[in-house]
Amino acid sequence: MNISAKVTDANMTDERVLDVRFDDHSLIVDLMDGRTISAPLAWYPRLANATPEQCRHWEKCGGGYGIHWPEVDEDLSTEGLLRGAPAAKAA
């Protein structure tokens, strides 16, 4: 494979959000390019303490690269999820 083919393959990733779901201990985000990100729900206290209904009520934001839960005022980005970044600690 040559360099241009590698660049083309890298550009085919689409890190926009397709779907969001939860299990008992994890936040699970499906991306448009077929990847799935799973992170411990404990990393996101607002979501961990939210009701199932509040967790189901999410919206795409930031051109599809972010997730917003209006009822619990939580915002996450696919960039942060891919980096494995937990929520910032409250001051």
PDB file of N, CA and C in Angstrom:
ATOM      1  N   MET A   1       0.850  -1.171   0.000  1.00  0.00           N
ATOM      2  CA  MET A   1       0.000   0.000   0.000  1.00  0.00           C
ATOM      3  C   MET A   1       0.895   1.232   0.000  1.00  0.00           C
ATOM      4  N   ASN A   2       0.577   2.196  -0.814  1.00  0.00           N
ATOM      5  CA  ASN A   2       1.393   3.415  -0.861  1.00  0.00           C
ATOM      6  C   ASN A   2       0.860   4.463   0.109  1.00  0.00           C
ATOM      7  N   ILE A   3       1.621   5.532   0.249  1.00  0.00           N
ATOM      8  CA  ILE A   3       1.268   6.598   1.203  1.00  0.00           C
ATOM      9  C   ILE A   3      -0.099   7.196   0.901  1.00  0.00           C
ATOM     10  N   SER A   4      -0.403   7.459  -0.350  1.00  0.00           N
ATOM     11  CA  SER A   4      -1.686   8.089  -0.676  1.00  0.00           C
ATOM     12  C   SER A   4      -2.855   7.190  -0.295  1.00  0.00           C
ATOM     13  N   ALA A   5      -2.686   5.880  -0.411  1.00  0.00           N
ATOM     14  CA  ALA A   5      -3.756   4.962  -0.014  1.00  0.00           C
ATOM     15  C   ALA A   5      -3.968   5.016   1.495  1.00  0.00           C
ATOM     16  N   LYS A   6      -2.890   5.120   2.257  1.00  0.00           N
ATOM     17  CA  LYS A   6      -3.021   5.209   3.713  1.00  0.00           C
ATOM     18  C   LYS A   6      -3.738   6.488   4.115  1.00  0.00           C
ATOM     19  N   VAL A   7      -3.417   7.583   3.477  1.00  0.00           N
ATOM     20  CA  VAL A   7      -4.082   8.853   3.778  1.00  0.00           C
ATOM     21  C   VAL A   7      -5.561   8.754   3.442  1.00  0.00           C
ATOM     22  N   THR A   8      -5.887   8.147   2.317  1.00  0.00           N
ATOM     23  CA  THR A   8      -7.281   7.988   1.921  1.00  0.00           C
ATOM     24  C   THR A   8      -8.035   7.150   2.949  1.00  0.00           C
ATOM     25  N   ASP A   9      -7.428   6.034   3.399  1.00  0.00           N
ATOM     26  CA  ASP A   9      -8.078   5.197   4.404  1.00  0.00           C
ATOM     27  C   ASP A   9      -8.313   5.979   5.691  1.00  0.00           C
ATOM     28  N   ALA A  10      -7.339   6.777   6.095  1.00  0.00           N
ATOM     29  CA  ALA A  10      -7.472   7.560   7.324  1.00  0.00           C
ATOM     30  C   ALA A  10      -8.581   8.589   7.204  1.00  0.00           C
ATOM     31  N   ASN A  11      -8.773   9.122   6.019  1.00  0.00           N
ATOM     32  CA  ASN A  11      -9.805  10.131   5.817  1.00  0.00           C
ATOM     33  C   ASN A  11     -11.204   9.532   5.760  1.00  0.00           C
ATOM     34  N   MET A  12     -11.313   8.215   5.698  1.00  0.00           N
ATOM     35  CA  MET A  12     -12.621   7.577   5.599  1.00  0.00           C
ATOM     36  C   MET A  12     -13.285   7.415   6.964  1.00  0.00           C
ATOM     37  N   THR A  13     -12.578   7.735   8.041  1.00  0.00           N
ATOM     38  CA  THR A  13     -13.207   7.641   9.354  1.00  0.00           C
ATOM     39  C   THR A  13     -14.241   8.749   9.498  1.00  0.00           C
ATOM     40  N   ASP A  14     -15.333   8.416  10.112  1.00  0.00           N
ATOM     41  CA  ASP A  14     -16.405   9.384  10.346  1.00  0.00           C
ATOM     42  C   ASP A  14     -16.786   9.280  11.813  1.00  0.00           C
ATOM     43  N   GLU A  15     -16.257  10.186  12.605  1.00  0.00           N
ATOM     44  CA  GLU A  15     -16.410  10.133  14.053  1.00  0.00           C
ATOM     45  C   GLU A  15     -17.692  10.784  14.556  1.00  0.00           C
ATOM     46  N   ARG A  16     -18.646  11.020  13.659  1.00  0.00           N
ATOM     47  CA  ARG A  16     -19.931  11.571  14.093  1.00  0.00           C
ATOM     48  C   ARG A  16     -20.767  10.486  14.773  1.00  0.00           C
ATOM     49  N   VAL A  17     -21.636  10.924  15.653  1.00  0.00           N
ATOM     50  CA  VAL A  17     -22.482  10.023  16.443  1.00  0.00           C
ATOM     51  C   VAL A  17     -23.605   9.451  15.581  1.00  0.00           C
ATOM     52  N   LEU A  18     -23.779   8.146  15.661  1.00  0.00           N
ATOM     53  CA  LEU A  18     -24.907   7.475  15.025  1.00  0.00           C
ATOM     54  C   LEU A  18     -25.980   7.160  16.069  1.00  0.00           C
ATOM     55  N   ASP A  19     -25.563   6.587  17.199  1.00  0.00           N
ATOM     56  CA  ASP A  19     -26.526   6.194  18.229  1.00  0.00           C
ATOM     57  C   ASP A  19     -25.834   6.193  19.592  1.00  0.00           C
ATOM     58  N   VAL A  20     -26.634   6.314  20.630  1.00  0.00           N
ATOM     59  CA  VAL A  20     -26.152   6.297  22.013  1.00  0.00           C
ATOM     60  C   VAL A  20     -27.046   5.352  22.797  1.00  0.00           C
ATOM     61  N   ARG A  21     -26.417   4.517  23.606  1.00  0.00           N
ATOM     62  CA  ARG A  21     -27.187   3.615  24.461  1.00  0.00           C
ATOM     63  C   ARG A  21     -26.395   3.350  25.740  1.00  0.00           C
ATOM     64  N   PHE A  22     -27.027   2.689  26.669  1.00  0.00           N
ATOM     65  CA  PHE A  22     -26.428   2.411  27.966  1.00  0.00           C
ATOM     66  C   PHE A  22     -26.674   0.961  28.327  1.00  0.00           C
ATOM     67  N   ASP A  23     -25.746   0.382  29.092  1.00  0.00           N
ATOM     68  CA  ASP A  23     -26.059  -0.847  29.807  1.00  0.00           C
ATOM     69  C   ASP A  23     -25.911  -0.517  31.296  1.00  0.00           C
ATOM     70  N   ASP A  24     -25.881  -1.495  32.146  1.00  0.00           N
ATOM     71  CA  ASP A  24     -25.865  -1.214  33.591  1.00  0.00           C
ATOM     72  C   ASP A  24     -24.662  -0.394  34.044  1.00  0.00           C
ATOM     73  N   HIS A  25     -23.536  -0.521  33.343  1.00  0.00           N
ATOM     74  CA  HIS A  25     -22.314   0.119  33.812  1.00  0.00           C
ATOM     75  C   HIS A  25     -21.577   0.931  32.754  1.00  0.00           C
ATOM     76  N   SER A  26     -22.130   1.037  31.548  1.00  0.00           N
ATOM     77  CA  SER A  26     -21.388   1.670  30.457  1.00  0.00           C
ATOM     78  C   SER A  26     -22.241   2.607  29.617  1.00  0.00           C
ATOM     79  N   LEU A  27     -21.566   3.615  29.089  1.00  0.00           N
ATOM     80  CA  LEU A  27     -22.097   4.466  28.024  1.00  0.00           C
ATOM     81  C   LEU A  27     -21.547   3.880  26.734  1.00  0.00           C
ATOM     82  N   ILE A  28     -22.401   3.656  25.754  1.00  0.00           N
ATOM     83  CA  ILE A  28     -21.996   3.035  24.497  1.00  0.00           C
ATOM     84  C   ILE A  28     -22.419   3.956  23.364  1.00  0.00           C
ATOM     85  N   VAL A  29     -21.449   4.352  22.541  1.00  0.00           N
ATOM     86  CA  VAL A  29     -21.703   5.282  21.443  1.00  0.00           C
ATOM     87  C   VAL A  29     -21.281   4.624  20.135  1.00  0.00           C
ATOM     88  N   ASP A  30     -22.223   4.519  19.208  1.00  0.00           N
ATOM     89  CA  ASP A  30     -21.935   4.013  17.871  1.00  0.00           C
ATOM     90  C   ASP A  30     -21.612   5.193  16.968  1.00  0.00           C
ATOM     91  N   LEU A  31     -20.536   5.057  16.195  1.00  0.00           N
ATOM     92  CA  LEU A  31     -20.125   6.109  15.273  1.00  0.00           C
ATOM     93  C   LEU A  31     -20.573   5.790  13.858  1.00  0.00           C
ATOM     94  N   MET A  32     -20.628   6.810  13.038  1.00  0.00           N
ATOM     95  CA  MET A  32     -21.067   6.669  11.652  1.00  0.00           C
ATOM     96  C   MET A  32     -20.171   5.716  10.859  1.00  0.00           C
ATOM     97  N   ASP A  33     -18.889   5.614  11.237  1.00  0.00           N
ATOM     98  CA  ASP A  33     -17.968   4.765  10.476  1.00  0.00           C
ATOM     99  C   ASP A  33     -17.982   3.304  10.923  1.00  0.00           C
ATOM    100  N   GLY A  34     -18.903   2.949  11.827  1.00  0.00           N
ATOM    101  CA  GLY A  34     -19.041   1.563  12.241  1.00  0.00           C
ATOM    102  C   GLY A  34     -18.362   1.224  13.555  1.00  0.00           C
ATOM    103  N   ARG A  35     -17.544   2.115  14.070  1.00  0.00           N
ATOM    104  CA  ARG A  35     -16.901   1.856  15.359  1.00  0.00           C
ATOM    105  C   ARG A  35     -17.889   2.068  16.503  1.00  0.00           C
ATOM    106  N   THR A  36     -17.612   1.401  17.615  1.00  0.00           N
ATOM    107  CA  THR A  36     -18.391   1.550  18.838  1.00  0.00           C
ATOM    108  C   THR A  36     -17.437   1.893  19.970  1.00  0.00           C
ATOM    109  N   ILE A  37     -17.780   2.926  20.726  1.00  0.00           N
ATOM    110  CA  ILE A  37     -16.997   3.344  21.884  1.00  0.00           C
ATOM    111  C   ILE A  37     -17.792   2.967  23.127  1.00  0.00           C
ATOM    112  N   SER A  38     -17.125   2.361  24.086  1.00  0.00           N
ATOM    113  CA  SER A  38     -17.749   2.038  25.366  1.00  0.00           C
ATOM    114  C   SER A  38     -16.890   2.640  26.468  1.00  0.00           C
ATOM    115  N   ALA A  39     -17.530   3.335  27.391  1.00  0.00           N
ATOM    116  CA  ALA A  39     -16.815   3.964  28.500  1.00  0.00           C
ATOM    117  C   ALA A  39     -17.578   3.696  29.791  1.00  0.00           C
ATOM    118  N   PRO A  40     -16.858   3.576  30.906  1.00  0.00           N
ATOM    119  CA  PRO A  40     -17.537   3.350  32.185  1.00  0.00           C
ATOM    120  C   PRO A  40     -18.481   4.500  32.523  1.00  0.00           C
ATOM    121  N   LEU A  41     -19.687   4.171  32.872  1.00  0.00           N
ATOM    122  CA  LEU A  41     -20.674   5.180  33.244  1.00  0.00           C
ATOM    123  C   LEU A  41     -20.205   5.971  34.468  1.00  0.00           C
ATOM    124  N   ALA A  42     -19.406   5.356  35.317  1.00  0.00           N
ATOM    125  CA  ALA A  42     -18.878   6.039  36.506  1.00  0.00           C
ATOM    126  C   ALA A  42     -18.011   7.243  36.144  1.00  0.00           C
ATOM    127  N   TRP A  43     -17.487   7.294  34.922  1.00  0.00           N
ATOM    128  CA  TRP A  43     -16.692   8.440  34.476  1.00  0.00           C
ATOM    129  C   TRP A  43     -17.549   9.681  34.286  1.00  0.00           C
ATOM    130  N   TYR A  44     -18.858   9.518  34.185  1.00  0.00           N
ATOM    131  CA  TYR A  44     -19.769  10.622  33.887  1.00  0.00           C
ATOM    132  C   TYR A  44     -20.856  10.662  34.960  1.00  0.00           C
ATOM    133  N   PRO A  45     -20.560  11.249  36.122  1.00  0.00           N
ATOM    134  CA  PRO A  45     -21.492  11.218  37.262  1.00  0.00           C
ATOM    135  C   PRO A  45     -22.890  11.745  36.949  1.00  0.00           C
ATOM    136  N   ARG A  46     -22.995  12.763  36.117  1.00  0.00           N
ATOM    137  CA  ARG A  46     -24.337  13.287  35.799  1.00  0.00           C
ATOM    138  C   ARG A  46     -25.172  12.219  35.107  1.00  0.00           C
ATOM    139  N   LEU A  47     -24.549  11.466  34.216  1.00  0.00           N
ATOM    140  CA  LEU A  47     -25.277  10.396  33.531  1.00  0.00           C
ATOM    141  C   LEU A  47     -25.501   9.211  34.463  1.00  0.00           C
ATOM    142  N   ALA A  48     -24.516   8.899  35.287  1.00  0.00           N
ATOM    143  CA  ALA A  48     -24.643   7.781  36.226  1.00  0.00           C
ATOM    144  C   ALA A  48     -25.786   8.019  37.211  1.00  0.00           C
ATOM    145  N   ASN A  49     -26.032   9.282  37.557  1.00  0.00           N
ATOM    146  CA  ASN A  49     -27.093   9.623  38.510  1.00  0.00           C
ATOM    147  C   ASN A  49     -28.419   9.973  37.843  1.00  0.00           C
ATOM    148  N   ALA A  50     -28.458   9.971  36.538  1.00  0.00           N
ATOM    149  CA  ALA A  50     -29.679  10.314  35.800  1.00  0.00           C
ATOM    150  C   ALA A  50     -30.623   9.114  35.737  1.00  0.00           C
ATOM    151  N   THR A  51     -31.888   9.409  35.497  1.00  0.00           N
ATOM    152  CA  THR A  51     -32.862   8.332  35.301  1.00  0.00           C
ATOM    153  C   THR A  51     -32.659   7.730  33.909  1.00  0.00           C
ATOM    154  N   PRO A  52     -33.145   6.511  33.695  1.00  0.00           N
ATOM    155  CA  PRO A  52     -33.061   5.932  32.352  1.00  0.00           C
ATOM    156  C   PRO A  52     -33.713   6.828  31.293  1.00  0.00           C
ATOM    157  N   GLU A  53     -34.830   7.446  31.646  1.00  0.00           N
ATOM    158  CA  GLU A  53     -35.508   8.347  30.701  1.00  0.00           C
ATOM    159  C   GLU A  53     -34.623   9.540  30.360  1.00  0.00           C
ATOM    160  N   GLN A  54     -33.980  10.128  31.351  1.00  0.00           N
ATOM    161  CA  GLN A  54     -33.082  11.260  31.094  1.00  0.00           C
ATOM    162  C   GLN A  54     -31.908  10.833  30.213  1.00  0.00           C
ATOM    163  N   CYS A  55     -31.397   9.639  30.425  1.00  0.00           N
ATOM    164  CA  CYS A  55     -30.289   9.140  29.603  1.00  0.00           C
ATOM    165  C   CYS A  55     -30.721   8.912  28.158  1.00  0.00           C
ATOM    166  N   ARG A  56     -31.948   8.472  27.971  1.00  0.00           N
ATOM    167  CA  ARG A  56     -32.445   8.234  26.607  1.00  0.00           C
ATOM    168  C   ARG A  56     -32.704   9.525  25.848  1.00  0.00           C
ATOM    169  N   HIS A  57     -32.862  10.636  26.557  1.00  0.00           N
ATOM    170  CA  HIS A  57     -33.163  11.919  25.919  1.00  0.00           C
ATOM    171  C   HIS A  57     -31.863  12.665  25.624  1.00  0.00           C
ATOM    172  N   TRP A  58     -31.223  12.319  24.516  1.00  0.00           N
ATOM    173  CA  TRP A  58     -29.972  12.945  24.110  1.00  0.00           C
ATOM    174  C   TRP A  58     -30.142  13.556  22.726  1.00  0.00           C
ATOM    175  N   GLU A  59     -29.259  14.483  22.407  1.00  0.00           N
ATOM    176  CA  GLU A  59     -29.285  15.159  21.103  1.00  0.00           C
ATOM    177  C   GLU A  59     -27.867  15.217  20.554  1.00  0.00           C
ATOM    178  N   LYS A  60     -27.766  15.176  19.245  1.00  0.00           N
ATOM    179  CA  LYS A  60     -26.472  15.426  18.611  1.00  0.00           C
ATOM    180  C   LYS A  60     -26.209  16.927  18.651  1.00  0.00           C
ATOM    181  N   CYS A  61     -24.959  17.296  18.804  1.00  0.00           N
ATOM    182  CA  CYS A  61     -24.571  18.700  18.757  1.00  0.00           C
ATOM    183  C   CYS A  61     -23.199  18.791  18.095  1.00  0.00           C
ATOM    184  N   GLY A  62     -22.736  19.984  17.866  1.00  0.00           N
ATOM    185  CA  GLY A  62     -21.410  20.161  17.285  1.00  0.00           C
ATOM    186  C   GLY A  62     -21.237  19.489  15.943  1.00  0.00           C
ATOM    187  N   GLY A  63     -22.258  19.585  15.097  1.00  0.00           N
ATOM    188  CA  GLY A  63     -22.158  18.980  13.771  1.00  0.00           C
ATOM    189  C   GLY A  63     -22.182  17.464  13.790  1.00  0.00           C
ATOM    190  N   GLY A  64     -22.652  16.883  14.891  1.00  0.00           N
ATOM    191  CA  GLY A  64     -22.718  15.427  15.014  1.00  0.00           C
ATOM    192  C   GLY A  64     -21.537  14.834  15.761  1.00  0.00           C
ATOM    193  N   TYR A  65     -20.575  15.672  16.145  1.00  0.00           N
ATOM    194  CA  TYR A  65     -19.395  15.208  16.873  1.00  0.00           C
ATOM    195  C   TYR A  65     -19.571  15.306  18.386  1.00  0.00           C
ATOM    196  N   GLY A  66     -20.733  15.751  18.827  1.00  0.00           N
ATOM    197  CA  GLY A  66     -20.997  15.884  20.249  1.00  0.00           C
ATOM    198  C   GLY A  66     -22.342  15.297  20.609  1.00  0.00           C
ATOM    199  N   ILE A  67     -22.502  15.034  21.903  1.00  0.00           N
ATOM    200  CA  ILE A  67     -23.750  14.508  22.449  1.00  0.00           C
ATOM    201  C   ILE A  67     -24.141  15.416  23.610  1.00  0.00           C
ATOM    202  N   HIS A  68     -25.413  15.810  23.631  1.00  0.00           N
ATOM    203  CA  HIS A  68     -25.921  16.693  24.684  1.00  0.00           C
ATOM    204  C   HIS A  68     -27.134  16.038  25.328  1.00  0.00           C
ATOM    205  N   TRP A  69     -27.130  16.009  26.660  1.00  0.00           N
ATOM    206  CA  TRP A  69     -28.276  15.551  27.448  1.00  0.00           C
ATOM    207  C   TRP A  69     -28.851  16.779  28.133  1.00  0.00           C
ATOM    208  N   PRO A  70     -29.904  17.385  27.579  1.00  0.00           N
ATOM    209  CA  PRO A  70     -30.410  18.649  28.113  1.00  0.00           C
ATOM    210  C   PRO A  70     -30.941  18.553  29.542  1.00  0.00           C
ATOM    211  N   GLU A  71     -31.523  17.438  29.905  1.00  0.00           N
ATOM    212  CA  GLU A  71     -32.137  17.327  31.232  1.00  0.00           C
ATOM    213  C   GLU A  71     -31.115  17.204  32.356  1.00  0.00           C
ATOM    214  N   VAL A  72     -29.890  16.799  32.021  1.00  0.00           N
ATOM    215  CA  VAL A  72     -28.849  16.670  33.055  1.00  0.00           C
ATOM    216  C   VAL A  72     -27.662  17.591  32.780  1.00  0.00           C
ATOM    217  N   ASP A  73     -27.772  18.410  31.736  1.00  0.00           N
ATOM    218  CA  ASP A  73     -26.746  19.386  31.371  1.00  0.00           C
ATOM    219  C   ASP A  73     -25.367  18.742  31.214  1.00  0.00           C
ATOM    220  N   GLU A  74     -25.322  17.659  30.435  1.00  0.00           N
ATOM    221  CA  GLU A  74     -24.061  16.970  30.157  1.00  0.00           C
ATOM    222  C   GLU A  74     -23.769  17.049  28.672  1.00  0.00           C
ATOM    223  N   ASP A  75     -22.519  17.300  28.344  1.00  0.00           N
ATOM    224  CA  ASP A  75     -22.068  17.352  26.956  1.00  0.00           C
ATOM    225  C   ASP A  75     -20.789  16.542  26.830  1.00  0.00           C
ATOM    226  N   LEU A  76     -20.742  15.659  25.845  1.00  0.00           N
ATOM    227  CA  LEU A  76     -19.544  14.872  25.563  1.00  0.00           C
ATOM    228  C   LEU A  76     -19.234  14.968  24.079  1.00  0.00           C
ATOM    229  N   SER A  77     -17.968  14.818  23.743  1.00  0.00           N
ATOM    230  CA  SER A  77     -17.560  14.821  22.339  1.00  0.00           C
ATOM    231  C   SER A  77     -17.011  13.449  21.971  1.00  0.00           C
ATOM    232  N   THR A  78     -17.131  13.102  20.705  1.00  0.00           N
ATOM    233  CA  THR A  78     -16.545  11.843  20.267  1.00  0.00           C
ATOM    234  C   THR A  78     -15.028  11.905  20.396  1.00  0.00           C
ATOM    235  N   GLU A  79     -14.445  13.075  20.216  1.00  0.00           N
ATOM    236  CA  GLU A  79     -12.995  13.216  20.385  1.00  0.00           C
ATOM    237  C   GLU A  79     -12.583  12.819  21.806  1.00  0.00           C
ATOM    238  N   GLY A  80     -13.287  13.339  22.796  1.00  0.00           N
ATOM    239  CA  GLY A  80     -12.986  12.999  24.184  1.00  0.00           C
ATOM    240  C   GLY A  80     -13.225  11.532  24.490  1.00  0.00           C
ATOM    241  N   LEU A  81     -14.314  10.984  23.958  1.00  0.00           N
ATOM    242  CA  LEU A  81     -14.599   9.568  24.172  1.00  0.00           C
ATOM    243  C   LEU A  81     -13.518   8.692  23.553  1.00  0.00           C
ATOM    244  N   LEU A  82     -13.077   9.039  22.353  1.00  0.00           N
ATOM    245  CA  LEU A  82     -12.025   8.263  21.694  1.00  0.00           C
ATOM    246  C   LEU A  82     -10.696   8.363  22.438  1.00  0.00           C
ATOM    247  N   ARG A  83     -10.444   9.488  23.077  1.00  0.00           N
ATOM    248  CA  ARG A  83      -9.229   9.671  23.886  1.00  0.00           C
ATOM    249  C   ARG A  83      -9.322   8.940  25.217  1.00  0.00           C
ATOM    250  N   GLY A  84     -10.526   8.573  25.625  1.00  0.00           N
ATOM    251  CA  GLY A  84     -10.713   7.939  26.921  1.00  0.00           C
ATOM    252  C   GLY A  84     -10.710   8.937  28.052  1.00  0.00           C
ATOM    253  N   ALA A  85     -11.285  10.108  27.792  1.00  0.00           N
ATOM    254  CA  ALA A  85     -11.270  11.189  28.777  1.00  0.00           C
ATOM    255  C   ALA A  85     -12.523  11.152  29.647  1.00  0.00           C
ATOM    256  N   PRO A  86     -12.375  10.924  30.964  1.00  0.00           N
ATOM    257  CA  PRO A  86     -13.539  11.018  31.850  1.00  0.00           C
ATOM    258  C   PRO A  86     -13.974  12.467  32.012  1.00  0.00           C
ATOM    259  N   ALA A  87     -15.154  12.665  32.575  1.00  0.00           N
ATOM    260  CA  ALA A  87     -15.657  14.023  32.816  1.00  0.00           C
ATOM    261  C   ALA A  87     -14.709  14.755  33.758  1.00  0.00           C
ATOM    262  N   ALA A  88     -14.597  16.054  33.544  1.00  0.00           N
ATOM    263  CA  ALA A  88     -13.760  16.881  34.419  1.00  0.00           C
ATOM    264  C   ALA A  88     -14.350  16.895  35.819  1.00  0.00           C
ATOM    265  N   LYS A  89     -13.508  16.929  36.803  1.00  0.00           N
ATOM    266  CA  LYS A  89     -13.961  17.001  38.200  1.00  0.00           C
ATOM    267  C   LYS A  89     -14.523  18.383  38.480  1.00  0.00           C
ATOM    268  N   ALA A  90     -15.590  18.426  39.262  1.00  0.00           N
ATOM    269  CA  ALA A  90     -16.173  19.714  39.661  1.00  0.00           C
ATOM    270  C   ALA A  90     -15.200  20.436  40.584  1.00  0.00           C
ATOM    271  N   ALA A  91     -15.150  21.755  40.447  1.00  0.00           N
ATOM    272  CA  ALA A  91     -14.224  22.544  41.281  1.00  0.00           C
ATOM    273  C   ALA A  91     -14.739  22.699  42.687  1.00  0.00           C
TER     274      ALA A  91
END
